[in-house]
Amino acid sequence: MKILIIEDNRILAKNIREYLTLKAFQAEVAFDGIMGKEKANSEHFDVIVLDINLPGKDGLTLCQELREVWNNTPIIFLTSSNTSKDVVKWLNIGADDYMWKPFDFEELISRIQALWRRNIPNKITTIQVGDIMIDTTKRLVTRKNETIELSTKEFDLFQYLVQNRGNPVDRQVLLEKVWGEFDAYMFSRTVDVHISTLRKKLGDGIIETRKGFWYVVS
């Protein structure tokens, strides 16, 4: 599951991201409303965790603008306000849930999972690439009903390339999106090794190389 955290408190945002990663989620962070909107509209996320008081563009405005362009990703507001009048306003503009600061990280995860489960019927969970089927819910890859065994990172890498199908992605971006924070020197070959292993398992022609270290699923 991939979560977007839009929070200007860098310490809190980092703590949320680290906790989600620890619990096997993928998580990305934006520190203002403008960056948050760009990420929300350019990548697929399963849930958005959105602070209301943001620089650049506040959370209420951002939520409204996302709904206006039919971005229906579930949104959980983070806020210090706890009046019933505010809650009604948030729900009316398109929020799906809210949490008051300070909050328990385990409760946040429970709410994220609840929203994701609620939204499953509206999700495309099976993707076809050639004769390969990817079930993103079960995290299963098959060819002609035969399972292709992938490690966790191999699946995450393949899924990211499939979600960005047709768009070449460079090694640096893959390290950031699939592995999170990294030491560029130590892990400079990590993507190459995983791509090589994926090609052996998936077969030729599924993952192409462009411009040296740009990879793409066509």
C-alpha atoms as a PDB file:
ATOM      1  CA  MET A   1       0.000   0.000   0.000  1.00  0.00           C
ATOM      2  CA  LYS A   2       1.372   3.429  -0.966  1.00  0.00           C
ATOM      3  CA  ILE A   3       0.702   6.452   1.263  1.00  0.00           C
ATOM      4  CA  LEU A   4       1.297  10.160   0.610  1.00  0.00           C
ATOM      5  CA  ILE A   5       1.997  12.238   3.724  1.00  0.00           C
ATOM      6  CA  ILE A   6       1.519  15.995   3.262  1.00  0.00           C
ATOM      7  CA  GLU A   7       2.773  17.616   6.449  1.00  0.00           C
ATOM      8  CA  ASP A   8       4.959  20.708   6.952  1.00  0.00           C
ATOM      9  CA  ASN A   9       6.248  19.593  10.359  1.00  0.00           C
ATOM     10  CA  ARG A  10       9.313  17.761   9.071  1.00  0.00           C
ATOM     11  CA  ILE A  11       9.948  15.832  12.276  1.00  0.00           C
ATOM     12  CA  LEU A  12       6.363  14.579  12.451  1.00  0.00           C
ATOM     13  CA  ALA A  13       6.313  13.765   8.724  1.00  0.00           C
ATOM     14  CA  LYS A  14       9.554  11.799   9.006  1.00  0.00           C
ATOM     15  CA  ASN A  15       8.285   9.923  12.058  1.00  0.00           C
ATOM     16  CA  ILE A  16       5.052   8.958  10.293  1.00  0.00           C
ATOM     17  CA  ARG A  17       6.965   7.821   7.234  1.00  0.00           C
ATOM     18  CA  GLU A  18       9.422   5.749   9.275  1.00  0.00           C
ATOM     19  CA  TYR A  19       6.595   4.103  11.222  1.00  0.00           C
ATOM     20  CA  LEU A  20       4.649   3.284   8.055  1.00  0.00           C
ATOM     21  CA  THR A  21       7.791   1.863   6.433  1.00  0.00           C
ATOM     22  CA  LEU A  22       8.396  -0.244   9.523  1.00  0.00           C
ATOM     23  CA  LYS A  23       4.901  -1.668   9.047  1.00  0.00           C
ATOM     24  CA  ALA A  24       5.646  -2.561   5.390  1.00  0.00           C
ATOM     25  CA  PHE A  25       3.904   0.416   3.760  1.00  0.00           C
ATOM     26  CA  GLN A  26       5.420   2.548   1.021  1.00  0.00           C
ATOM     27  CA  ALA A  27       5.324   6.201   2.052  1.00  0.00           C
ATOM     28  CA  GLU A  28       6.274   9.498   0.433  1.00  0.00           C
ATOM     29  CA  VAL A  29       6.336  12.968   1.957  1.00  0.00           C
ATOM     30  CA  ALA A  30       5.507  16.463   0.712  1.00  0.00           C
ATOM     31  CA  PHE A  31       6.152  19.427   2.996  1.00  0.00           C
ATOM     32  CA  ASP A  32       3.735  21.971   1.479  1.00  0.00           C
ATOM     33  CA  GLY A  33       0.419  22.049  -0.347  1.00  0.00           C
ATOM     34  CA  ILE A  34       1.857  22.837  -3.769  1.00  0.00           C
ATOM     35  CA  MET A  35       4.280  19.918  -3.723  1.00  0.00           C
ATOM     36  CA  GLY A  36       1.537  17.744  -2.259  1.00  0.00           C
ATOM     37  CA  LYS A  37      -0.855  18.522  -5.086  1.00  0.00           C
ATOM     38  CA  GLU A  38       1.789  17.793  -7.702  1.00  0.00           C
ATOM     39  CA  LYS A  39       2.577  14.399  -6.169  1.00  0.00           C
ATOM     40  CA  ALA A  40      -1.086  13.496  -5.620  1.00  0.00           C
ATOM     41  CA  ASN A  41      -1.956  14.164  -9.259  1.00  0.00           C
ATOM     42  CA  SER A  42       1.145  12.628 -10.855  1.00  0.00           C
ATOM     43  CA  GLU A  43       1.463   9.325  -8.951  1.00  0.00           C
ATOM     44  CA  HIS A  44      -0.859   6.625  -7.646  1.00  0.00           C
ATOM     45  CA  PHE A  45      -1.462   6.582  -3.885  1.00  0.00           C
ATOM     46  CA  ASP A  46      -3.873   4.428  -1.896  1.00  0.00           C
ATOM     47  CA  VAL A  47      -4.406   6.970   0.905  1.00  0.00           C
ATOM     48  CA  ILE A  48      -3.368  10.608   1.500  1.00  0.00           C
ATOM     49  CA  VAL A  49      -2.582  11.801   5.038  1.00  0.00           C
ATOM     50  CA  LEU A  50      -3.107  15.564   4.833  1.00  0.00           C
ATOM     51  CA  ASP A  51      -2.340  18.289   7.375  1.00  0.00           C
ATOM     52  CA  ILE A  52      -4.803  21.187   7.258  1.00  0.00           C
ATOM     53  CA  ASN A  53      -2.390  24.044   8.041  1.00  0.00           C
ATOM     54  CA  LEU A  54       0.154  23.955   5.220  1.00  0.00           C
ATOM     55  CA  PRO A  55       2.344  26.578   3.558  1.00  0.00           C
ATOM     56  CA  GLY A  56       1.809  27.311  -0.136  1.00  0.00           C
ATOM     57  CA  LYS A  57      -1.698  25.819  -0.234  1.00  0.00           C
ATOM     58  CA  ASP A  58      -3.687  24.839   2.844  1.00  0.00           C
ATOM     59  CA  GLY A  59      -5.115  21.351   3.251  1.00  0.00           C
ATOM     60  CA  LEU A  60      -8.747  22.386   2.800  1.00  0.00           C
ATOM     61  CA  THR A  61      -8.029  24.072  -0.535  1.00  0.00           C
ATOM     62  CA  LEU A  62      -5.888  21.156  -1.663  1.00  0.00           C
ATOM     63  CA  CYS A  63      -8.611  18.636  -0.809  1.00  0.00           C
ATOM     64  CA  GLN A  64     -11.199  20.653  -2.772  1.00  0.00           C
ATOM     65  CA  GLU A  65      -8.907  20.941  -5.797  1.00  0.00           C
ATOM     66  CA  LEU A  66      -8.168  17.222  -5.827  1.00  0.00           C
ATOM     67  CA  ARG A  67     -11.874  16.386  -5.761  1.00  0.00           C
ATOM     68  CA  GLU A  68     -12.556  18.880  -8.559  1.00  0.00           C
ATOM     69  CA  VAL A  69     -10.280  16.920 -10.908  1.00  0.00           C
ATOM     70  CA  TRP A  70     -11.888  13.603  -9.846  1.00  0.00           C
ATOM     71  CA  ASN A  71      -8.965  12.495  -7.722  1.00  0.00           C
ATOM     72  CA  ASN A  72     -10.854  10.203  -5.341  1.00  0.00           C
ATOM     73  CA  THR A  73      -7.911   8.961  -3.290  1.00  0.00           C
ATOM     74  CA  PRO A  74      -9.111   8.612   0.338  1.00  0.00           C
ATOM     75  CA  ILE A  75      -7.929  11.537   2.495  1.00  0.00           C
ATOM     76  CA  ILE A  76      -7.317  11.615   6.249  1.00  0.00           C
ATOM     77  CA  PHE A  77      -7.004  15.129   7.692  1.00  0.00           C
ATOM     78  CA  LEU A  78      -4.545  15.862  10.497  1.00  0.00           C
ATOM     79  CA  THR A  79      -5.541  18.829  12.624  1.00  0.00           C
ATOM     80  CA  SER A  80      -5.354  20.512  16.016  1.00  0.00           C
ATOM     81  CA  SER A  81      -8.946  21.755  15.749  1.00  0.00           C
ATOM     82  CA  ASN A  82     -11.623  19.589  17.358  1.00  0.00           C
ATOM     83  CA  THR A  83     -14.929  21.412  16.928  1.00  0.00           C
ATOM     84  CA  SER A  84     -17.918  19.643  15.386  1.00  0.00           C
ATOM     85  CA  LYS A  85     -18.497  22.571  13.015  1.00  0.00           C
ATOM     86  CA  ASP A  86     -15.036  22.084  11.513  1.00  0.00           C
ATOM     87  CA  VAL A  87     -15.571  18.346  11.165  1.00  0.00           C
ATOM     88  CA  VAL A  88     -18.760  18.871   9.137  1.00  0.00           C
ATOM     89  CA  LYS A  89     -16.930  21.288   6.842  1.00  0.00           C
ATOM     90  CA  TRP A  90     -14.055  18.858   6.273  1.00  0.00           C
ATOM     91  CA  LEU A  91     -16.373  15.999   5.380  1.00  0.00           C
ATOM     92  CA  ASN A  92     -18.423  18.209   3.070  1.00  0.00           C
ATOM     93  CA  ILE A  93     -15.406  19.238   0.988  1.00  0.00           C
ATOM     94  CA  GLY A  94     -14.282  15.649   0.460  1.00  0.00           C
ATOM     95  CA  ALA A  95     -12.305  14.387   3.463  1.00  0.00           C
ATOM     96  CA  ASP A  96     -12.882  10.728   4.331  1.00  0.00           C
ATOM     97  CA  ASP A  97     -11.576  10.769   7.893  1.00  0.00           C
ATOM     98  CA  TYR A  98      -9.712  12.980  10.368  1.00  0.00           C
ATOM     99  CA  MET A  99      -7.399  12.699  13.360  1.00  0.00           C
ATOM    100  CA  TRP A 100      -6.614  15.257  16.032  1.00  0.00           C
ATOM    101  CA  LYS A 101      -3.012  15.997  16.968  1.00  0.00           C
ATOM    102  CA  PRO A 102      -1.325  14.484  18.854  1.00  0.00           C
ATOM    103  CA  PHE A 103      -2.406  11.045  17.680  1.00  0.00           C
ATOM    104  CA  ASP A 104      -1.373   7.420  18.073  1.00  0.00           C
ATOM    105  CA  PHE A 105       0.508   6.032  15.071  1.00  0.00           C
ATOM    106  CA  GLU A 106      -1.090   2.613  15.456  1.00  0.00           C
ATOM    107  CA  GLU A 107      -4.545   4.203  15.251  1.00  0.00           C
ATOM    108  CA  LEU A 108      -3.456   6.082  12.129  1.00  0.00           C
ATOM    109  CA  ILE A 109      -2.505   2.782  10.498  1.00  0.00           C
ATOM    110  CA  SER A 110      -5.868   1.269  11.466  1.00  0.00           C
ATOM    111  CA  ARG A 111      -7.697   4.187   9.852  1.00  0.00           C
ATOM    112  CA  ILE A 112      -5.538   3.969   6.709  1.00  0.00           C
ATOM    113  CA  GLN A 113      -6.300   0.261   6.377  1.00  0.00           C
ATOM    114  CA  ALA A 114     -10.020   0.836   6.955  1.00  0.00           C
ATOM    115  CA  LEU A 115     -10.163   3.457   4.180  1.00  0.00           C
ATOM    116  CA  TRP A 116      -8.197   1.231   1.828  1.00  0.00           C
ATOM    117  CA  ARG A 117     -10.521  -1.726   2.430  1.00  0.00           C
ATOM    118  CA  ARG A 118     -13.547   0.508   1.886  1.00  0.00           C
ATOM    119  CA  ASN A 119     -12.115   1.642  -1.438  1.00  0.00           C
ATOM    120  CA  ILE A 120     -11.116  -1.802  -2.764  1.00  0.00           C
ATOM    121  CA  PRO A 121     -14.236  -2.303  -4.965  1.00  0.00           C
ATOM    122  CA  ASN A 122     -13.284   0.836  -6.909  1.00  0.00           C
ATOM    123  CA  LYS A 123      -9.674  -0.252  -7.486  1.00  0.00           C
ATOM    124  CA  ILE A 124      -8.147  -2.056 -10.417  1.00  0.00           C
ATOM    125  CA  THR A 125      -6.253  -4.798  -8.608  1.00  0.00           C
ATOM    126  CA  THR A 126      -5.226  -6.891 -11.621  1.00  0.00           C
ATOM    127  CA  ILE A 127      -2.926  -5.574 -14.340  1.00  0.00           C
ATOM    128  CA  GLN A 128      -1.866  -7.421 -17.495  1.00  0.00           C
ATOM    129  CA  VAL A 129       1.515  -6.972 -19.184  1.00  0.00           C
ATOM    130  CA  GLY A 130       1.774  -9.246 -22.195  1.00  0.00           C
ATOM    131  CA  ASP A 131       0.950 -12.718 -20.884  1.00  0.00           C
ATOM    132  CA  ILE A 132       1.824 -11.738 -17.309  1.00  0.00           C
ATOM    133  CA  MET A 133      -0.886 -10.930 -14.737  1.00  0.00           C
ATOM    134  CA  ILE A 134      -0.127  -8.829 -11.652  1.00  0.00           C
ATOM    135  CA  ASP A 135      -2.543  -8.953  -8.708  1.00  0.00           C
ATOM    136  CA  THR A 136      -1.624  -5.865  -6.654  1.00  0.00           C
ATOM    137  CA  THR A 137      -3.886  -6.861  -3.754  1.00  0.00           C
ATOM    138  CA  LYS A 138      -2.513 -10.377  -3.331  1.00  0.00           C
ATOM    139  CA  ARG A 139       0.951  -9.239  -4.495  1.00  0.00           C
ATOM    140  CA  LEU A 140       0.981 -12.131  -6.929  1.00  0.00           C
ATOM    141  CA  VAL A 141       2.526 -12.378 -10.409  1.00  0.00           C
ATOM    142  CA  THR A 142       1.459 -15.196 -12.734  1.00  0.00           C
ATOM    143  CA  ARG A 143       1.926 -16.360 -16.327  1.00  0.00           C
ATOM    144  CA  LYS A 144      -0.700 -18.758 -17.709  1.00  0.00           C
ATOM    145  CA  ASN A 145      -1.851 -19.456 -14.138  1.00  0.00           C
ATOM    146  CA  GLU A 146       1.697 -20.376 -13.080  1.00  0.00           C
ATOM    147  CA  THR A 147       3.062 -18.289 -10.192  1.00  0.00           C
ATOM    148  CA  ILE A 148       6.285 -16.360 -10.792  1.00  0.00           C
ATOM    149  CA  GLU A 149       8.023 -16.210  -7.432  1.00  0.00           C
ATOM    150  CA  LEU A 150       9.254 -12.683  -6.684  1.00  0.00           C
ATOM    151  CA  SER A 151      10.889 -11.314  -3.561  1.00  0.00           C
ATOM    152  CA  THR A 152       9.256  -8.349  -1.803  1.00  0.00           C
ATOM    153  CA  LYS A 153      11.578  -5.812  -3.441  1.00  0.00           C
ATOM    154  CA  GLU A 154      11.333  -7.482  -6.839  1.00  0.00           C
ATOM    155  CA  PHE A 155       7.537  -7.201  -6.673  1.00  0.00           C
ATOM    156  CA  ASP A 156       7.703  -3.563  -5.474  1.00  0.00           C
ATOM    157  CA  LEU A 157      10.130  -2.689  -8.277  1.00  0.00           C
ATOM    158  CA  PHE A 158       8.068  -4.405 -10.964  1.00  0.00           C
ATOM    159  CA  GLN A 159       4.837  -2.873  -9.666  1.00  0.00           C
ATOM    160  CA  TYR A 160       6.351   0.626  -9.700  1.00  0.00           C
ATOM    161  CA  LEU A 161       7.501   0.208 -13.304  1.00  0.00           C
ATOM    162  CA  VAL A 162       4.071  -1.144 -14.300  1.00  0.00           C
ATOM    163  CA  GLN A 163       2.275   1.740 -12.557  1.00  0.00           C
ATOM    164  CA  ASN A 164       4.470   4.102 -14.593  1.00  0.00           C
ATOM    165  CA  ARG A 165       4.066   2.036 -17.745  1.00  0.00           C
ATOM    166  CA  GLY A 166       5.407   3.712 -20.860  1.00  0.00           C
ATOM    167  CA  ASN A 167       7.460   6.236 -18.877  1.00  0.00           C
ATOM    168  CA  PRO A 168      11.213   5.487 -18.580  1.00  0.00           C
ATOM    169  CA  VAL A 169      12.373   5.726 -14.942  1.00  0.00           C
ATOM    170  CA  ASP A 170      16.010   6.206 -13.988  1.00  0.00           C
ATOM    171  CA  ARG A 171      17.934   4.251 -11.379  1.00  0.00           C
ATOM    172  CA  GLN A 172      18.018   7.169  -8.913  1.00  0.00           C
ATOM    173  CA  VAL A 173      14.214   7.507  -8.932  1.00  0.00           C
ATOM    174  CA  LEU A 174      13.754   3.753  -8.474  1.00  0.00           C
ATOM    175  CA  LEU A 175      16.085   3.763  -5.476  1.00  0.00           C
ATOM    176  CA  GLU A 176      14.113   6.623  -3.902  1.00  0.00           C
ATOM    177  CA  LYS A 177      10.629   5.273  -4.658  1.00  0.00           C
ATOM    178  CA  VAL A 178      11.167   1.556  -3.995  1.00  0.00           C
ATOM    179  CA  TRP A 179      13.935   1.547  -1.390  1.00  0.00           C
ATOM    180  CA  GLY A 180      13.295   4.940   0.268  1.00  0.00           C
ATOM    181  CA  GLU A 181      16.281   6.699   1.832  1.00  0.00           C
ATOM    182  CA  PHE A 182      19.585   5.287   0.644  1.00  0.00           C
ATOM    183  CA  ASP A 183      23.331   5.710   0.375  1.00  0.00           C
ATOM    184  CA  ALA A 184      23.909   6.332  -3.347  1.00  0.00           C
ATOM    185  CA  TYR A 185      27.451   4.930  -3.275  1.00  0.00           C
ATOM    186  CA  MET A 186      26.650   1.732  -1.379  1.00  0.00           C
ATOM    187  CA  PHE A 187      23.528   0.896  -3.365  1.00  0.00           C
ATOM    188  CA  SER A 188      24.527   2.073  -6.832  1.00  0.00           C
ATOM    189  CA  ARG A 189      24.182  -1.506  -8.189  1.00  0.00           C
ATOM    190  CA  THR A 190      21.066  -2.492  -6.255  1.00  0.00           C
ATOM    191  CA  VAL A 191      18.590  -1.613  -9.002  1.00  0.00           C
ATOM    192  CA  ASP A 192      20.720  -3.208 -11.725  1.00  0.00           C
ATOM    193  CA  VAL A 193      20.915  -6.501  -9.837  1.00  0.00           C
ATOM    194  CA  HIS A 194      17.147  -6.574  -9.163  1.00  0.00           C
ATOM    195  CA  ILE A 195      16.352  -5.665 -12.790  1.00  0.00           C
ATOM    196  CA  SER A 196      18.612  -8.480 -13.996  1.00  0.00           C
ATOM    197  CA  THR A 197      16.886 -10.981 -11.687  1.00  0.00           C
ATOM    198  CA  LEU A 198      13.428  -9.774 -12.748  1.00  0.00           C
ATOM    199  CA  ARG A 199      14.322 -10.222 -16.421  1.00  0.00           C
ATOM    200  CA  LYS A 200      15.378 -13.808 -15.789  1.00  0.00           C
ATOM    201  CA  LYS A 201      12.078 -14.521 -14.023  1.00  0.00           C
ATOM    202  CA  LEU A 202       9.764 -12.530 -16.310  1.00  0.00           C
ATOM    203  CA  GLY A 203      11.445 -13.212 -19.642  1.00  0.00           C
ATOM    204  CA  ASP A 204      12.775 -10.968 -22.401  1.00  0.00           C
ATOM    205  CA  GLY A 205      10.922  -7.896 -23.621  1.00  0.00           C
ATOM    206  CA  ILE A 206       9.047  -7.042 -20.416  1.00  0.00           C
ATOM    207  CA  ILE A 207      11.530  -4.549 -18.919  1.00  0.00           C
ATOM    208  CA  GLU A 208      13.495  -2.493 -21.452  1.00  0.00           C
ATOM    209  CA  THR A 209      16.582  -0.345 -20.907  1.00  0.00           C
ATOM    210  CA  ARG A 210      16.647   3.210 -22.217  1.00  0.00           C
ATOM    211  CA  LYS A 211      19.559   5.678 -22.209  1.00  0.00           C
ATOM    212  CA  GLY A 212      21.844   3.496 -20.140  1.00  0.00           C
ATOM    213  CA  PHE A 213      20.149   3.275 -16.749  1.00  0.00           C
ATOM    214  CA  TRP A 214      16.548   4.201 -17.543  1.00  0.00           C
ATOM    215  CA  TYR A 215      14.084   1.321 -17.307  1.00  0.00           C
ATOM    216  CA  VAL A 216      10.576   1.026 -18.735  1.00  0.00           C
ATOM    217  CA  VAL A 217       7.705  -1.450 -19.057  1.00  0.00           C
ATOM    218  CA  SER A 218       6.067  -0.724 -22.416  1.00  0.00           C
END
